[in-house]
C-alpha atoms as a PDB file:
ATOM      1  CA  MET A   1       5.434  11.441-103.002  1.00  0.00           C
ATOM      2  CA  THR A   2       7.236   9.575 -99.909  1.00  0.00           C
ATOM      3  CA  LYS A   3      10.338  10.323 -98.387  1.00  0.00           C
ATOM      4  CA  PRO A   4      13.360   7.831 -98.556  1.00  0.00           C
ATOM      5  CA  ILE A   5      13.903   6.147 -95.329  1.00  0.00           C
ATOM      6  CA  PRO A   6      17.556   6.964 -94.119  1.00  0.00           C
ATOM      7  CA  ASN A   7      19.942   4.118 -93.585  1.00  0.00           C
ATOM      8  CA  TYR A   8      20.175   3.407 -89.676  1.00  0.00           C
ATOM      9  CA  PRO A   9      22.722   1.275 -88.009  1.00  0.00           C
ATOM     10  CA  GLN A  10      21.532  -2.369 -87.236  1.00  0.00           C
ATOM     11  CA  GLU A  11      21.623  -1.685 -83.765  1.00  0.00           C
ATOM     12  CA  ILE A  12      20.137   1.327 -82.151  1.00  0.00           C
ATOM     13  CA  HIS A  13      20.791   1.811 -78.388  1.00  0.00           C
ATOM     14  CA  THR A  14      17.965   3.666 -76.645  1.00  0.00           C
ATOM     15  CA  PRO A  15      18.068   4.253 -72.907  1.00  0.00           C
ATOM     16  CA  GLN A  16      15.820   1.953 -70.974  1.00  0.00           C
ATOM     17  CA  LEU A  17      13.125   3.738 -68.732  1.00  0.00           C
ATOM     18  CA  THR A  18      13.487   1.924 -65.473  1.00  0.00           C
ATOM     19  CA  ASP A  19      11.757   4.302 -63.084  1.00  0.00           C
ATOM     20  CA  CYS A  20       9.579   7.341 -63.387  1.00  0.00           C
ATOM     21  CA  PHE A  21       7.679   9.674 -61.224  1.00  0.00           C
ATOM     22  CA  ILE A  22       4.004   9.445 -60.673  1.00  0.00           C
ATOM     23  CA  ARG A  23       1.861  12.312 -59.272  1.00  0.00           C
ATOM     24  CA  ARG A  24      -0.799  11.922 -56.290  1.00  0.00           C
ATOM     25  CA  PRO A  25      -3.710  11.053 -58.150  1.00  0.00           C
ATOM     26  CA  THR A  26      -2.118   8.141 -59.780  1.00  0.00           C
ATOM     27  CA  VAL A  27      -0.670   7.008 -56.324  1.00  0.00           C
ATOM     28  CA  LEU A  28      -4.288   7.216 -54.801  1.00  0.00           C
ATOM     29  CA  GLU A  29      -5.606   5.333 -57.880  1.00  0.00           C
ATOM     30  CA  ALA A  30      -2.910   2.539 -57.489  1.00  0.00           C
ATOM     31  CA  THR A  31      -2.872   2.001 -53.799  1.00  0.00           C
ATOM     32  CA  ASP A  32      -6.683   2.805 -53.103  1.00  0.00           C
ATOM     33  CA  LEU A  33      -5.750   4.938 -50.132  1.00  0.00           C
ATOM     34  CA  SER A  34      -7.438   8.496 -49.488  1.00  0.00           C
ATOM     35  CA  ASP A  35      -5.572  11.797 -49.616  1.00  0.00           C
ATOM     36  CA  SER A  36      -5.476  11.940 -45.611  1.00  0.00           C
ATOM     37  CA  THR A  37      -4.402   8.289 -45.142  1.00  0.00           C
ATOM     38  CA  LEU A  38      -1.707   8.562 -47.814  1.00  0.00           C
ATOM     39  CA  PHE A  39      -0.180  11.840 -46.115  1.00  0.00           C
ATOM     40  CA  HIS A  40      -0.803  10.041 -42.721  1.00  0.00           C
ATOM     41  CA  LEU A  41       1.153   6.918 -43.577  1.00  0.00           C
ATOM     42  CA  VAL A  42       4.016   9.214 -45.183  1.00  0.00           C
ATOM     43  CA  ARG A  43       4.261  11.096 -41.853  1.00  0.00           C
ATOM     44  CA  LYS A  44       4.541   7.908 -40.120  1.00  0.00           C
ATOM     45  CA  GLY A  45       7.354   6.458 -42.289  1.00  0.00           C
ATOM     46  CA  ILE A  46       5.088   3.524 -43.497  1.00  0.00           C
ATOM     47  CA  PHE A  47       4.616   4.813 -47.087  1.00  0.00           C
ATOM     48  CA  PRO A  48       7.572   6.462 -49.315  1.00  0.00           C
ATOM     49  CA  LYS A  49       7.855  10.042 -48.949  1.00  0.00           C
ATOM     50  CA  PRO A  50       7.365  12.143 -52.201  1.00  0.00           C
ATOM     51  CA  TYR A  51      10.272  13.775 -54.030  1.00  0.00           C
ATOM     52  CA  LYS A  52       9.971  17.680 -54.411  1.00  0.00           C
ATOM     53  CA  LEU A  53      10.391  18.332 -58.111  1.00  0.00           C
ATOM     54  CA  SER A  54       9.743  21.935 -58.022  1.00  0.00           C
ATOM     55  CA  GLU A  55       8.368  24.619 -55.730  1.00  0.00           C
ATOM     56  CA  ARG A  56       4.710  23.428 -56.373  1.00  0.00           C
ATOM     57  CA  ILE A  57       5.196  19.964 -57.693  1.00  0.00           C
ATOM     58  CA  SER A  58       5.971  16.604 -55.668  1.00  0.00           C
ATOM     59  CA  ALA A  59       5.633  13.027 -56.998  1.00  0.00           C
ATOM     60  CA  TRP A  60       6.638   9.612 -55.920  1.00  0.00           C
ATOM     61  CA  LYS A  61       8.709   7.061 -57.648  1.00  0.00           C
ATOM     62  CA  LEU A  62       6.920   4.559 -59.493  1.00  0.00           C
ATOM     63  CA  SER A  63       9.346   1.693 -58.201  1.00  0.00           C
ATOM     64  CA  GLU A  64       8.952   2.532 -54.523  1.00  0.00           C
ATOM     65  CA  VAL A  65       5.183   2.838 -54.646  1.00  0.00           C
ATOM     66  CA  GLN A  66       5.189  -0.434 -56.442  1.00  0.00           C
ATOM     67  CA  ALA A  67       7.392  -1.942 -53.642  1.00  0.00           C
ATOM     68  CA  TRP A  68       5.121  -0.874 -51.181  1.00  0.00           C
ATOM     69  CA  ILE A  69       2.261  -2.363 -52.885  1.00  0.00           C
ATOM     70  CA  ASP A  70       3.910  -5.531 -53.324  1.00  0.00           C
ATOM     71  CA  SER A  71       4.911  -5.737 -49.625  1.00  0.00           C
ATOM     72  CA  ARG A  72       1.453  -5.010 -48.710  1.00  0.00           C
ATOM     73  CA  LYS A  73       0.292  -8.041 -50.739  1.00  0.00           C
ATOM     74  CA  GLN A  74       3.063 -10.451 -49.234  1.00  0.00           C
ATOM     75  CA  GLY A  75       1.887  -9.310 -45.632  1.00  0.00           C
ATOM     76  CA  GLY A  76      -1.716  -9.935 -46.313  1.00  0.00           C
ATOM     77  CA  ALA A  77      -2.587  -6.292 -45.194  1.00  0.00           C
ATOM     78  CA  LYS A  78      -3.850  -3.317 -46.964  1.00  0.00           C
END
């Protein structure tokens, strides 16, 4: 026996996910950088700094990493 589907309002407003955090393995894969190069670029201020999410967890905003990738494509460098 199946449950009846409740009546929902015609329009359901859900929050739009506009940005999220990504961890180092994802950043490395997306940028094709090595671990040491990534942190060298962060120290030099060339790559966005990670956000400290907890004592042991840091991550980057996806939008900031994507903007860096896009800027490298436009400049013709990697």
